[in-house]
């Protein structure tokens, strides 16, 4: 460990790299792939279709499964890419890059800070930081979605399961990070939670106007 005096020279540089990683992650996460792809495909403004969300689930409501799959992949990869780029500057920069990407998707500067719900980007950040947790998320999502046909419920359960898995594996810093992300994901799904409680949530394959 370097003498304490050396940290005064290194710390500003490290903090700058972490902030740069967060800022780049945010800008990358802010790219509304679903909105752009729907527009280029001639489907109109995705915010005026179905639930008004800019994510893959709402793209699927247009009937274009291929476009929905592409949206899912791109929204996922922007989380993974932000982590990967940040990892070149250290583990904390990687975590901040992932956090930035998730916040960028939820609150994109280009759309007046009104973005998506973050499920795909959540998975992408998980994949970049600790891929076994991403595998657990995916498996839990598939089981719950198959059993209930509620995409929102599957995402809510799977996000909580990933936090628990990280804690059980002793990944305390990552567990804390994804606990924050999960809380934000739940907040963004508040309307879905209310509809689930009332039995009014649309199931997978159903449209909601």
N, C-alpha and C. Protein backbone atom coordinates (compact mmCIF):
# COMPACT_ATOMS: atom_id res chain seq x y z
N UNK A 1 0.85 -1.20 0.00
CA UNK A 1 0.00 0.00 0.00
C UNK A 1 0.88 1.25 0.00
N UNK A 2 0.59 2.22 -0.88
CA UNK A 2 1.42 3.41 -0.95
C UNK A 2 1.26 4.25 0.29
N UNK A 3 2.28 5.07 0.62
CA UNK A 3 2.18 5.97 1.76
C UNK A 3 0.98 6.89 1.61
N UNK A 4 0.40 7.32 2.75
CA UNK A 4 -0.80 8.17 2.68
C UNK A 4 -0.64 9.39 1.80
N UNK A 5 0.57 9.94 1.76
CA UNK A 5 0.78 11.15 0.96
C UNK A 5 0.56 10.91 -0.52
N UNK A 6 0.77 9.67 -0.98
CA UNK A 6 0.63 9.37 -2.40
C UNK A 6 -0.83 9.41 -2.85
N UNK A 7 -1.77 9.12 -1.92
CA UNK A 7 -3.17 9.10 -2.28
C UNK A 7 -3.68 10.46 -2.72
N UNK A 8 -3.11 11.53 -2.17
CA UNK A 8 -3.55 12.88 -2.54
C UNK A 8 -3.27 13.17 -4.00
N UNK A 9 -2.29 12.49 -4.57
CA UNK A 9 -1.97 12.67 -6.00
C UNK A 9 -2.82 11.75 -6.87
N UNK A 10 -3.11 10.55 -6.36
CA UNK A 10 -3.81 9.55 -7.16
C UNK A 10 -5.32 9.71 -7.11
N UNK A 11 -5.85 10.07 -5.93
CA UNK A 11 -7.29 10.10 -5.72
C UNK A 11 -8.05 10.97 -6.72
N UNK A 12 -7.61 12.20 -6.99
CA UNK A 12 -8.35 13.01 -7.97
C UNK A 12 -8.43 12.35 -9.34
N UNK A 13 -7.35 11.67 -9.75
CA UNK A 13 -7.34 11.00 -11.04
C UNK A 13 -8.32 9.83 -11.05
N UNK A 14 -8.33 9.06 -9.95
CA UNK A 14 -9.25 7.92 -9.84
C UNK A 14 -10.70 8.40 -9.85
N UNK A 15 -10.98 9.45 -9.10
CA UNK A 15 -12.34 10.00 -9.05
C UNK A 15 -12.77 10.52 -10.42
N UNK A 16 -11.84 11.12 -11.13
CA UNK A 16 -12.16 11.63 -12.47
C UNK A 16 -12.53 10.49 -13.41
N UNK A 17 -11.80 9.38 -13.32
CA UNK A 17 -12.09 8.23 -14.17
C UNK A 17 -13.45 7.63 -13.81
N UNK A 18 -13.76 7.58 -12.51
CA UNK A 18 -15.06 7.04 -12.08
C UNK A 18 -16.20 7.93 -12.56
N UNK A 19 -16.03 9.24 -12.45
CA UNK A 19 -17.06 10.17 -12.91
C UNK A 19 -17.21 10.10 -14.42
N UNK A 20 -16.09 9.95 -15.12
CA UNK A 20 -16.14 9.82 -16.58
C UNK A 20 -16.87 8.55 -16.97
N UNK A 21 -16.61 7.47 -16.25
CA UNK A 21 -17.28 6.21 -16.53
C UNK A 21 -18.78 6.33 -16.29
N UNK A 22 -19.17 6.99 -15.20
CA UNK A 22 -20.59 7.19 -14.90
C UNK A 22 -21.26 8.03 -15.99
N UNK A 23 -20.58 9.13 -16.40
CA UNK A 23 -21.15 10.03 -17.40
C UNK A 23 -21.31 9.32 -18.74
N UNK A 24 -20.29 8.55 -19.14
CA UNK A 24 -20.39 7.84 -20.41
C UNK A 24 -21.48 6.78 -20.35
N UNK A 25 -21.56 6.08 -19.20
CA UNK A 25 -22.60 5.08 -19.03
C UNK A 25 -23.99 5.71 -19.12
N UNK A 26 -24.15 6.87 -18.51
CA UNK A 26 -25.44 7.55 -18.56
C UNK A 26 -25.82 7.91 -19.99
N UNK A 27 -24.89 8.47 -20.74
CA UNK A 27 -25.18 8.86 -22.12
C UNK A 27 -25.49 7.64 -22.98
N UNK A 28 -24.76 6.55 -22.75
CA UNK A 28 -25.02 5.32 -23.50
C UNK A 28 -26.39 4.75 -23.13
N UNK A 29 -26.69 4.75 -21.83
CA UNK A 29 -27.98 4.24 -21.39
C UNK A 29 -29.14 5.09 -21.86
N UNK A 30 -28.89 6.36 -22.14
CA UNK A 30 -29.94 7.28 -22.55
C UNK A 30 -30.41 7.06 -23.99
N UNK A 31 -29.68 6.26 -24.76
CA UNK A 31 -30.07 6.04 -26.15
C UNK A 31 -31.37 5.22 -26.17
N UNK A 32 -32.48 5.79 -26.67
CA UNK A 32 -33.78 5.08 -26.66
C UNK A 32 -33.92 4.18 -27.88
N UNK A 33 -33.28 3.02 -27.83
CA UNK A 33 -33.26 2.14 -29.00
C UNK A 33 -34.66 1.75 -29.45
N UNK A 34 -35.56 1.43 -28.53
CA UNK A 34 -36.91 1.04 -28.91
C UNK A 34 -37.62 2.14 -29.67
N UNK A 35 -37.50 3.36 -29.18
CA UNK A 35 -38.14 4.50 -29.83
C UNK A 35 -37.57 4.74 -31.22
N UNK A 36 -36.24 4.66 -31.34
CA UNK A 36 -35.58 4.90 -32.62
C UNK A 36 -35.91 3.80 -33.62
N UNK A 37 -35.85 2.55 -33.19
CA UNK A 37 -36.13 1.44 -34.10
C UNK A 37 -37.57 1.47 -34.59
N UNK A 38 -38.50 1.77 -33.68
CA UNK A 38 -39.91 1.84 -34.09
C UNK A 38 -40.13 2.95 -35.10
N UNK A 39 -39.46 4.07 -34.90
CA UNK A 39 -39.60 5.19 -35.82
C UNK A 39 -39.03 4.84 -37.19
N UNK A 40 -37.83 4.24 -37.20
CA UNK A 40 -37.19 3.88 -38.48
C UNK A 40 -37.97 2.79 -39.20
N UNK A 41 -38.69 1.95 -38.46
CA UNK A 41 -39.48 0.89 -39.07
C UNK A 41 -40.85 1.39 -39.54
N UNK A 42 -41.12 2.66 -39.33
CA UNK A 42 -42.38 3.23 -39.76
C UNK A 42 -43.56 2.92 -38.86
N UNK A 43 -43.27 2.60 -37.59
CA UNK A 43 -44.34 2.24 -36.66
C UNK A 43 -44.86 3.45 -35.87
N UNK A 44 -44.25 4.59 -36.08
CA UNK A 44 -44.68 5.79 -35.39
C UNK A 44 -43.96 5.99 -34.07
N UNK A 45 -44.51 6.87 -33.24
CA UNK A 45 -43.93 7.20 -31.94
C UNK A 45 -44.33 6.12 -30.94
N UNK A 46 -43.36 5.38 -30.44
CA UNK A 46 -43.64 4.29 -29.52
C UNK A 46 -44.33 4.77 -28.25
N UNK A 47 -44.12 6.03 -27.91
CA UNK A 47 -44.75 6.59 -26.70
C UNK A 47 -46.25 6.77 -26.87
N UNK A 48 -46.73 6.65 -28.10
CA UNK A 48 -48.17 6.76 -28.37
C UNK A 48 -48.81 5.40 -28.64
N UNK A 49 -48.05 4.34 -28.38
CA UNK A 49 -48.52 2.98 -28.66
C UNK A 49 -48.58 2.18 -27.35
N UNK A 50 -49.63 1.38 -27.19
CA UNK A 50 -49.72 0.49 -26.03
C UNK A 50 -49.59 1.21 -24.71
N UNK A 51 -48.59 0.79 -23.92
CA UNK A 51 -48.37 1.38 -22.60
C UNK A 51 -47.64 2.72 -22.66
N UNK A 52 -47.07 3.05 -23.84
CA UNK A 52 -46.30 4.27 -23.96
C UNK A 52 -44.86 4.12 -23.54
N UNK A 53 -44.48 2.91 -23.09
CA UNK A 53 -43.11 2.66 -22.66
C UNK A 53 -42.19 2.52 -23.88
N UNK A 54 -40.89 2.79 -23.70
CA UNK A 54 -39.96 2.75 -24.83
C UNK A 54 -39.18 1.44 -24.89
N UNK A 55 -39.55 0.46 -24.07
CA UNK A 55 -38.80 -0.78 -24.02
C UNK A 55 -39.32 -1.86 -24.95
N UNK A 56 -38.66 -3.03 -24.86
CA UNK A 56 -38.96 -4.14 -25.77
C UNK A 56 -40.38 -4.67 -25.62
N UNK A 57 -40.91 -4.69 -24.39
CA UNK A 57 -42.26 -5.22 -24.19
C UNK A 57 -43.29 -4.41 -24.97
N UNK A 58 -43.11 -3.10 -24.99
CA UNK A 58 -44.06 -2.26 -25.74
C UNK A 58 -43.83 -2.36 -27.24
N UNK A 59 -42.58 -2.54 -27.65
CA UNK A 59 -42.31 -2.77 -29.07
C UNK A 59 -43.02 -4.03 -29.53
N UNK A 60 -43.06 -5.04 -28.66
CA UNK A 60 -43.73 -6.29 -28.99
C UNK A 60 -45.22 -6.06 -29.26
N UNK A 61 -45.80 -5.05 -28.61
CA UNK A 61 -47.22 -4.76 -28.79
C UNK A 61 -47.53 -4.23 -30.19
N UNK A 62 -46.49 -3.83 -30.92
CA UNK A 62 -46.70 -3.40 -32.30
C UNK A 62 -46.87 -4.59 -33.23
N UNK A 63 -46.57 -5.80 -32.72
CA UNK A 63 -46.68 -7.00 -33.53
C UNK A 63 -45.38 -7.39 -34.23
N UNK A 64 -44.35 -6.56 -34.07
CA UNK A 64 -43.06 -6.82 -34.72
C UNK A 64 -42.14 -7.52 -33.73
N UNK A 65 -42.12 -8.84 -33.72
CA UNK A 65 -41.34 -9.61 -32.76
C UNK A 65 -39.84 -9.43 -32.98
N UNK A 66 -39.44 -9.35 -34.23
CA UNK A 66 -38.02 -9.17 -34.52
C UNK A 66 -37.49 -7.85 -33.99
N UNK A 67 -38.28 -6.80 -34.15
CA UNK A 67 -37.88 -5.49 -33.67
C UNK A 67 -37.85 -5.47 -32.14
N UNK A 68 -38.80 -6.17 -31.53
CA UNK A 68 -38.83 -6.25 -30.07
C UNK A 68 -37.59 -6.97 -29.55
N UNK A 69 -37.21 -8.06 -30.22
CA UNK A 69 -36.02 -8.81 -29.82
C UNK A 69 -34.76 -7.96 -29.97
N UNK A 70 -34.68 -7.20 -31.06
CA UNK A 70 -33.53 -6.33 -31.28
C UNK A 70 -33.46 -5.24 -30.22
N UNK A 71 -34.61 -4.69 -29.86
CA UNK A 71 -34.65 -3.68 -28.81
C UNK A 71 -34.16 -4.25 -27.50
N UNK A 72 -34.61 -5.46 -27.16
CA UNK A 72 -34.19 -6.13 -25.94
C UNK A 72 -32.67 -6.30 -25.90
N UNK A 73 -32.11 -6.77 -27.01
CA UNK A 73 -30.67 -7.02 -27.07
C UNK A 73 -29.89 -5.71 -26.94
N UNK A 74 -30.30 -4.68 -27.65
CA UNK A 74 -29.58 -3.41 -27.61
C UNK A 74 -29.68 -2.74 -26.24
N UNK A 75 -30.86 -2.79 -25.63
CA UNK A 75 -31.02 -2.21 -24.29
C UNK A 75 -30.19 -2.98 -23.27
N UNK A 76 -30.07 -4.29 -23.46
CA UNK A 76 -29.24 -5.10 -22.59
C UNK A 76 -27.76 -4.78 -22.79
N UNK A 77 -27.35 -4.72 -24.04
CA UNK A 77 -25.93 -4.54 -24.35
C UNK A 77 -25.40 -3.17 -23.94
N UNK A 78 -26.27 -2.15 -23.90
CA UNK A 78 -25.75 -0.85 -23.49
C UNK A 78 -25.36 -0.87 -22.01
N UNK A 79 -26.04 -1.70 -21.22
CA UNK A 79 -25.63 -1.87 -19.83
C UNK A 79 -24.31 -2.62 -19.72
N UNK A 80 -24.18 -3.69 -20.48
CA UNK A 80 -22.95 -4.47 -20.47
C UNK A 80 -21.77 -3.67 -21.01
N UNK A 81 -22.00 -2.90 -22.07
CA UNK A 81 -20.93 -2.10 -22.66
C UNK A 81 -20.44 -1.03 -21.69
N UNK A 82 -21.35 -0.41 -20.96
CA UNK A 82 -20.96 0.61 -19.99
C UNK A 82 -20.09 0.02 -18.90
N UNK A 83 -20.44 -1.18 -18.44
CA UNK A 83 -19.64 -1.86 -17.43
C UNK A 83 -18.27 -2.23 -17.99
N UNK A 84 -18.26 -2.78 -19.20
CA UNK A 84 -17.00 -3.22 -19.82
C UNK A 84 -16.04 -2.05 -20.01
N UNK A 85 -16.54 -0.93 -20.47
CA UNK A 85 -15.68 0.24 -20.66
C UNK A 85 -15.17 0.76 -19.32
N UNK A 86 -16.06 0.81 -18.33
CA UNK A 86 -15.63 1.27 -17.02
C UNK A 86 -14.63 0.35 -16.36
N UNK A 87 -14.70 -0.95 -16.67
CA UNK A 87 -13.80 -1.92 -16.05
C UNK A 87 -12.34 -1.67 -16.40
N UNK A 88 -12.08 -0.95 -17.48
CA UNK A 88 -10.70 -0.61 -17.83
C UNK A 88 -10.09 0.35 -16.82
N UNK A 89 -10.91 0.99 -16.01
CA UNK A 89 -10.44 1.95 -15.01
C UNK A 89 -10.59 1.42 -13.59
N UNK A 90 -11.03 0.16 -13.46
CA UNK A 90 -11.15 -0.43 -12.13
C UNK A 90 -12.57 -0.87 -11.81
N UNK A 91 -12.73 -1.67 -10.76
CA UNK A 91 -14.05 -2.22 -10.42
C UNK A 91 -15.08 -1.16 -10.04
N UNK A 92 -14.64 -0.11 -9.35
CA UNK A 92 -15.61 0.91 -8.96
C UNK A 92 -16.09 1.71 -10.17
N UNK A 93 -15.19 1.95 -11.10
CA UNK A 93 -15.58 2.64 -12.34
C UNK A 93 -16.55 1.78 -13.14
N UNK A 94 -16.34 0.46 -13.10
CA UNK A 94 -17.25 -0.46 -13.80
C UNK A 94 -18.65 -0.39 -13.18
N UNK A 95 -18.71 -0.39 -11.84
CA UNK A 95 -20.00 -0.31 -11.16
C UNK A 95 -20.70 1.02 -11.46
N UNK A 96 -19.93 2.10 -11.45
CA UNK A 96 -20.52 3.41 -11.72
C UNK A 96 -20.97 3.53 -13.18
N UNK A 97 -20.22 2.88 -14.08
CA UNK A 97 -20.64 2.86 -15.47
C UNK A 97 -21.97 2.15 -15.63
N UNK A 98 -22.14 1.02 -14.93
CA UNK A 98 -23.40 0.30 -14.97
C UNK A 98 -24.53 1.09 -14.36
N UNK A 99 -24.26 1.74 -13.22
CA UNK A 99 -25.27 2.58 -12.59
C UNK A 99 -25.69 3.71 -13.52
N UNK A 100 -24.71 4.32 -14.19
CA UNK A 100 -25.01 5.40 -15.13
C UNK A 100 -25.88 4.93 -16.27
N UNK A 101 -25.58 3.75 -16.81
CA UNK A 101 -26.38 3.21 -17.92
C UNK A 101 -27.82 2.96 -17.50
N UNK A 102 -28.00 2.41 -16.30
CA UNK A 102 -29.34 2.12 -15.81
C UNK A 102 -30.13 3.42 -15.60
N UNK A 103 -29.50 4.40 -14.97
CA UNK A 103 -30.16 5.69 -14.75
C UNK A 103 -30.44 6.38 -16.08
N UNK A 104 -29.54 6.22 -17.04
CA UNK A 104 -29.74 6.82 -18.35
C UNK A 104 -30.95 6.25 -19.05
N UNK A 105 -31.16 4.95 -18.91
CA UNK A 105 -32.33 4.33 -19.53
C UNK A 105 -33.62 4.79 -18.86
N UNK A 106 -33.58 4.90 -17.54
CA UNK A 106 -34.77 5.32 -16.80
C UNK A 106 -35.07 6.80 -16.99
N UNK A 107 -34.00 7.61 -17.04
CA UNK A 107 -34.17 9.06 -17.09
C UNK A 107 -33.30 9.66 -18.20
N UNK A 108 -33.62 9.37 -19.48
CA UNK A 108 -32.78 9.85 -20.59
C UNK A 108 -32.92 11.35 -20.82
N UNK A 109 -31.79 12.00 -20.94
CA UNK A 109 -31.80 13.45 -21.13
C UNK A 109 -32.49 13.83 -22.43
N UNK A 110 -32.41 12.95 -23.44
CA UNK A 110 -32.98 13.25 -24.76
C UNK A 110 -34.51 13.26 -24.75
N UNK A 111 -35.11 12.61 -23.76
CA UNK A 111 -36.57 12.46 -23.73
C UNK A 111 -37.18 13.16 -22.52
N UNK A 112 -36.53 14.21 -22.07
CA UNK A 112 -37.05 14.94 -20.92
C UNK A 112 -37.04 14.12 -19.65
N UNK A 113 -36.08 13.19 -19.54
CA UNK A 113 -35.90 12.33 -18.37
C UNK A 113 -37.08 11.37 -18.15
N UNK A 114 -37.81 11.06 -19.22
CA UNK A 114 -38.91 10.10 -19.15
C UNK A 114 -38.55 8.89 -20.02
N UNK A 115 -38.00 7.88 -19.39
CA UNK A 115 -37.51 6.73 -20.14
C UNK A 115 -38.25 5.44 -19.87
N UNK A 116 -37.52 4.34 -19.98
CA UNK A 116 -38.12 3.03 -19.83
C UNK A 116 -38.11 2.55 -18.40
N UNK A 117 -38.37 1.26 -18.24
CA UNK A 117 -38.46 0.68 -16.89
C UNK A 117 -37.20 -0.05 -16.47
N UNK A 118 -36.29 -0.27 -17.42
CA UNK A 118 -34.94 -0.68 -17.07
C UNK A 118 -34.65 -2.15 -16.94
N UNK A 119 -35.58 -3.04 -17.27
CA UNK A 119 -35.36 -4.46 -17.04
C UNK A 119 -34.20 -4.99 -17.88
N UNK A 120 -34.21 -4.72 -19.18
CA UNK A 120 -33.16 -5.24 -20.06
C UNK A 120 -31.80 -4.66 -19.67
N UNK A 121 -31.76 -3.38 -19.37
CA UNK A 121 -30.49 -2.75 -18.99
C UNK A 121 -30.01 -3.29 -17.64
N UNK A 122 -30.92 -3.56 -16.73
CA UNK A 122 -30.60 -4.20 -15.46
C UNK A 122 -29.87 -5.52 -15.71
N UNK A 123 -30.43 -6.33 -16.61
CA UNK A 123 -29.80 -7.62 -16.94
C UNK A 123 -28.42 -7.41 -17.55
N UNK A 124 -28.31 -6.41 -18.43
CA UNK A 124 -27.03 -6.13 -19.06
C UNK A 124 -25.95 -5.72 -18.08
N UNK A 125 -26.32 -4.91 -17.10
CA UNK A 125 -25.37 -4.51 -16.07
C UNK A 125 -24.97 -5.72 -15.22
N UNK A 126 -25.95 -6.54 -14.87
CA UNK A 126 -25.67 -7.79 -14.14
C UNK A 126 -24.69 -8.66 -14.92
N UNK A 127 -24.95 -8.79 -16.22
CA UNK A 127 -24.12 -9.63 -17.07
C UNK A 127 -22.68 -9.13 -17.07
N UNK A 128 -22.51 -7.82 -17.11
CA UNK A 128 -21.17 -7.25 -17.14
C UNK A 128 -20.43 -7.37 -15.82
N UNK A 129 -21.15 -7.25 -14.72
CA UNK A 129 -20.50 -7.22 -13.41
C UNK A 129 -20.36 -8.61 -12.77
N UNK A 130 -21.36 -9.48 -12.99
CA UNK A 130 -21.32 -10.82 -12.36
C UNK A 130 -22.30 -11.71 -13.10
N UNK A 131 -21.81 -12.36 -14.14
CA UNK A 131 -22.71 -13.07 -15.06
C UNK A 131 -23.54 -14.18 -14.40
N UNK A 132 -23.05 -14.87 -13.34
CA UNK A 132 -23.93 -15.87 -12.72
C UNK A 132 -25.24 -15.27 -12.19
N UNK A 133 -25.18 -14.03 -11.70
CA UNK A 133 -26.40 -13.38 -11.22
C UNK A 133 -27.34 -13.09 -12.38
N UNK A 134 -26.79 -12.77 -13.54
CA UNK A 134 -27.62 -12.55 -14.72
C UNK A 134 -28.30 -13.84 -15.14
N UNK A 135 -27.59 -14.96 -14.99
CA UNK A 135 -28.18 -16.26 -15.31
C UNK A 135 -29.33 -16.58 -14.35
N UNK A 136 -29.13 -16.27 -13.06
CA UNK A 136 -30.19 -16.48 -12.07
C UNK A 136 -31.40 -15.61 -12.40
N UNK A 137 -31.15 -14.34 -12.73
CA UNK A 137 -32.25 -13.45 -13.11
C UNK A 137 -33.04 -14.05 -14.26
N UNK A 138 -32.34 -14.48 -15.29
CA UNK A 138 -33.01 -15.00 -16.49
C UNK A 138 -33.83 -16.25 -16.18
N UNK A 139 -33.27 -17.14 -15.38
CA UNK A 139 -33.99 -18.38 -15.05
C UNK A 139 -35.24 -18.09 -14.22
N UNK A 140 -35.09 -17.22 -13.22
CA UNK A 140 -36.24 -16.87 -12.39
C UNK A 140 -37.30 -16.17 -13.23
N UNK A 141 -36.86 -15.27 -14.11
CA UNK A 141 -37.82 -14.57 -14.98
C UNK A 141 -38.60 -15.57 -15.82
N UNK A 142 -37.90 -16.52 -16.42
CA UNK A 142 -38.56 -17.50 -17.28
C UNK A 142 -39.57 -18.34 -16.50
N UNK A 143 -39.19 -18.76 -15.30
CA UNK A 143 -40.09 -19.60 -14.50
C UNK A 143 -41.35 -18.83 -14.12
N UNK A 144 -41.18 -17.60 -13.62
CA UNK A 144 -42.33 -16.81 -13.19
C UNK A 144 -43.18 -16.40 -14.39
N UNK A 145 -42.53 -16.03 -15.48
CA UNK A 145 -43.28 -15.62 -16.67
C UNK A 145 -44.07 -16.80 -17.24
N UNK A 146 -43.46 -17.98 -17.25
CA UNK A 146 -44.16 -19.17 -17.76
C UNK A 146 -45.35 -19.53 -16.87
N UNK A 147 -45.15 -19.37 -15.55
CA UNK A 147 -46.20 -19.76 -14.62
C UNK A 147 -47.35 -18.77 -14.57
N UNK A 148 -47.05 -17.48 -14.72
CA UNK A 148 -48.08 -16.45 -14.54
C UNK A 148 -48.42 -15.69 -15.81
N UNK A 149 -47.49 -15.68 -16.78
CA UNK A 149 -47.62 -14.89 -18.01
C UNK A 149 -47.66 -13.39 -17.73
N UNK A 150 -47.08 -12.99 -16.60
CA UNK A 150 -46.93 -11.58 -16.28
C UNK A 150 -45.46 -11.20 -16.41
N UNK A 151 -45.13 -10.42 -17.43
CA UNK A 151 -43.74 -9.99 -17.64
C UNK A 151 -43.26 -9.11 -16.50
N UNK A 152 -44.12 -8.20 -16.04
CA UNK A 152 -43.73 -7.28 -14.97
C UNK A 152 -43.46 -8.03 -13.67
N UNK A 153 -44.32 -8.96 -13.31
CA UNK A 153 -44.13 -9.73 -12.08
C UNK A 153 -42.84 -10.55 -12.16
N UNK A 154 -42.59 -11.13 -13.32
CA UNK A 154 -41.37 -11.91 -13.50
C UNK A 154 -40.13 -11.04 -13.28
N UNK A 155 -40.15 -9.82 -13.79
CA UNK A 155 -39.01 -8.91 -13.62
C UNK A 155 -38.83 -8.50 -12.17
N UNK A 156 -39.93 -8.25 -11.48
CA UNK A 156 -39.86 -7.84 -10.07
C UNK A 156 -39.29 -8.95 -9.20
N UNK A 157 -39.76 -10.17 -9.42
CA UNK A 157 -39.27 -11.31 -8.63
C UNK A 157 -37.81 -11.59 -8.97
N UNK A 158 -37.47 -11.56 -10.25
CA UNK A 158 -36.12 -11.90 -10.68
C UNK A 158 -35.09 -10.88 -10.18
N UNK A 159 -35.46 -9.61 -10.16
CA UNK A 159 -34.51 -8.59 -9.68
C UNK A 159 -34.22 -8.82 -8.19
N UNK A 160 -35.26 -9.11 -7.40
CA UNK A 160 -35.04 -9.40 -5.99
C UNK A 160 -34.20 -10.65 -5.79
N UNK A 161 -34.42 -11.66 -6.63
CA UNK A 161 -33.65 -12.90 -6.54
C UNK A 161 -32.18 -12.67 -6.85
N UNK A 162 -31.89 -11.78 -7.79
CA UNK A 162 -30.50 -11.51 -8.14
C UNK A 162 -29.77 -10.81 -7.00
N UNK A 163 -30.46 -9.91 -6.29
CA UNK A 163 -29.85 -9.24 -5.14
C UNK A 163 -29.55 -10.26 -4.05
N UNK A 164 -30.49 -11.16 -3.79
CA UNK A 164 -30.30 -12.20 -2.78
C UNK A 164 -29.15 -13.11 -3.16
N UNK A 165 -29.06 -13.47 -4.44
CA UNK A 165 -27.99 -14.36 -4.89
C UNK A 165 -26.63 -13.71 -4.69
N UNK A 166 -26.52 -12.42 -5.01
CA UNK A 166 -25.25 -11.70 -4.84
C UNK A 166 -24.85 -11.66 -3.37
N UNK A 167 -25.83 -11.46 -2.49
CA UNK A 167 -25.53 -11.43 -1.06
C UNK A 167 -25.07 -12.79 -0.57
N UNK A 168 -25.74 -13.85 -1.03
CA UNK A 168 -25.37 -15.20 -0.62
C UNK A 168 -23.98 -15.58 -1.11
N UNK A 169 -23.56 -15.01 -2.24
CA UNK A 169 -22.23 -15.29 -2.79
C UNK A 169 -21.16 -14.40 -2.19
N UNK A 170 -21.56 -13.53 -1.26
CA UNK A 170 -20.59 -12.66 -0.61
C UNK A 170 -20.18 -11.45 -1.43
N UNK A 171 -20.94 -11.16 -2.49
CA UNK A 171 -20.66 -10.00 -3.34
C UNK A 171 -21.38 -8.78 -2.76
N UNK A 172 -20.89 -8.30 -1.62
CA UNK A 172 -21.63 -7.30 -0.86
C UNK A 172 -21.75 -5.97 -1.59
N UNK A 173 -20.69 -5.52 -2.22
CA UNK A 173 -20.76 -4.24 -2.94
C UNK A 173 -21.74 -4.32 -4.10
N UNK A 174 -21.68 -5.43 -4.83
CA UNK A 174 -22.60 -5.60 -5.94
C UNK A 174 -24.03 -5.78 -5.44
N UNK A 175 -24.18 -6.47 -4.34
CA UNK A 175 -25.51 -6.65 -3.76
C UNK A 175 -26.12 -5.30 -3.38
N UNK A 176 -25.31 -4.42 -2.81
CA UNK A 176 -25.79 -3.08 -2.43
C UNK A 176 -26.16 -2.28 -3.67
N UNK A 177 -25.32 -2.36 -4.70
CA UNK A 177 -25.60 -1.64 -5.94
C UNK A 177 -26.92 -2.10 -6.55
N UNK A 178 -27.11 -3.41 -6.64
CA UNK A 178 -28.32 -3.92 -7.29
C UNK A 178 -29.55 -3.81 -6.40
N UNK A 179 -29.34 -3.65 -5.11
CA UNK A 179 -30.48 -3.34 -4.25
C UNK A 179 -31.02 -1.95 -4.60
N UNK A 180 -30.10 -1.01 -4.83
CA UNK A 180 -30.51 0.34 -5.26
C UNK A 180 -31.22 0.26 -6.61
N UNK A 181 -30.64 -0.49 -7.55
CA UNK A 181 -31.24 -0.61 -8.88
C UNK A 181 -32.62 -1.29 -8.80
N UNK A 182 -32.74 -2.27 -7.91
CA UNK A 182 -34.02 -2.97 -7.76
C UNK A 182 -35.08 -2.04 -7.19
N UNK A 183 -34.71 -1.22 -6.22
CA UNK A 183 -35.66 -0.25 -5.67
C UNK A 183 -36.15 0.68 -6.76
N UNK A 184 -35.21 1.16 -7.59
CA UNK A 184 -35.60 2.04 -8.70
C UNK A 184 -36.49 1.30 -9.70
N UNK A 185 -36.17 0.05 -9.96
CA UNK A 185 -36.98 -0.75 -10.88
C UNK A 185 -38.40 -0.92 -10.34
N UNK A 186 -38.52 -1.15 -9.02
CA UNK A 186 -39.85 -1.27 -8.41
C UNK A 186 -40.62 0.04 -8.51
N UNK A 187 -39.92 1.15 -8.29
CA UNK A 187 -40.58 2.46 -8.40
C UNK A 187 -41.10 2.68 -9.81
N UNK A 188 -40.30 2.30 -10.81
CA UNK A 188 -40.71 2.47 -12.20
C UNK A 188 -41.86 1.53 -12.56
N UNK A 189 -42.01 0.47 -11.79
CA UNK A 189 -43.10 -0.48 -12.03
C UNK A 189 -44.29 -0.26 -11.09
N UNK A 190 -44.36 0.90 -10.48
CA UNK A 190 -45.43 1.17 -9.50
C UNK A 190 -46.81 0.96 -10.11
N UNK A 191 -47.01 1.44 -11.33
CA UNK A 191 -48.31 1.28 -11.99
C UNK A 191 -48.60 -0.18 -12.26
N UNK A 192 -47.56 -0.93 -12.65
CA UNK A 192 -47.74 -2.37 -12.89
C UNK A 192 -48.11 -3.10 -11.61
N UNK A 193 -47.45 -2.72 -10.51
CA UNK A 193 -47.74 -3.35 -9.22
C UNK A 193 -49.18 -3.09 -8.82
N UNK A 194 -49.65 -1.87 -9.05
CA UNK A 194 -51.04 -1.54 -8.72
C UNK A 194 -52.01 -2.36 -9.56
N UNK A 195 -51.69 -2.52 -10.87
CA UNK A 195 -52.57 -3.31 -11.74
C UNK A 195 -52.53 -4.79 -11.36
N UNK A 196 -51.34 -5.27 -10.97
CA UNK A 196 -51.24 -6.66 -10.51
C UNK A 196 -52.12 -6.88 -9.29
N UNK A 197 -52.10 -5.93 -8.37
CA UNK A 197 -52.92 -6.05 -7.15
C UNK A 197 -54.41 -6.06 -7.47
N UNK A 198 -54.79 -5.34 -8.54
CA UNK A 198 -56.21 -5.29 -8.93
C UNK A 198 -56.59 -6.39 -9.90
N UNK A 199 -55.60 -7.16 -10.37
CA UNK A 199 -55.88 -8.21 -11.35
C UNK A 199 -56.11 -7.67 -12.73
N UNK A 200 -55.57 -6.48 -13.03
CA UNK A 200 -55.81 -5.83 -14.31
C UNK A 200 -54.56 -5.76 -15.20
N UNK A 201 -53.46 -6.32 -14.74
CA UNK A 201 -52.23 -6.26 -15.52
C UNK A 201 -52.35 -7.14 -16.77
N UNK A 202 -51.87 -6.61 -17.90
CA UNK A 202 -51.90 -7.39 -19.14
C UNK A 202 -50.89 -8.52 -19.07
N UNK A 203 -51.30 -9.68 -19.55
CA UNK A 203 -50.40 -10.82 -19.59
C UNK A 203 -49.59 -10.79 -20.88
N UNK A 204 -48.54 -11.58 -20.90
CA UNK A 204 -47.69 -11.67 -22.09
C UNK A 204 -48.54 -12.14 -23.27
N UNK A 205 -48.46 -11.41 -24.36
CA UNK A 205 -49.25 -11.75 -25.54
C UNK A 205 -50.52 -10.97 -25.65
N UNK A 206 -50.93 -10.29 -24.57
CA UNK A 206 -52.13 -9.46 -24.60
C UNK A 206 -51.73 -8.02 -24.85
N UNK A 207 -52.58 -7.29 -25.49
CA UNK A 207 -52.34 -5.87 -25.74
C UNK A 207 -53.02 -5.05 -24.66
N UNK A 208 -52.44 -3.87 -24.38
CA UNK A 208 -53.06 -2.96 -23.44
C UNK A 208 -53.07 -1.58 -24.04
N UNK A 209 -54.23 -1.07 -24.35
CA UNK A 209 -54.35 0.22 -25.02
C UNK A 209 -54.45 1.34 -24.01
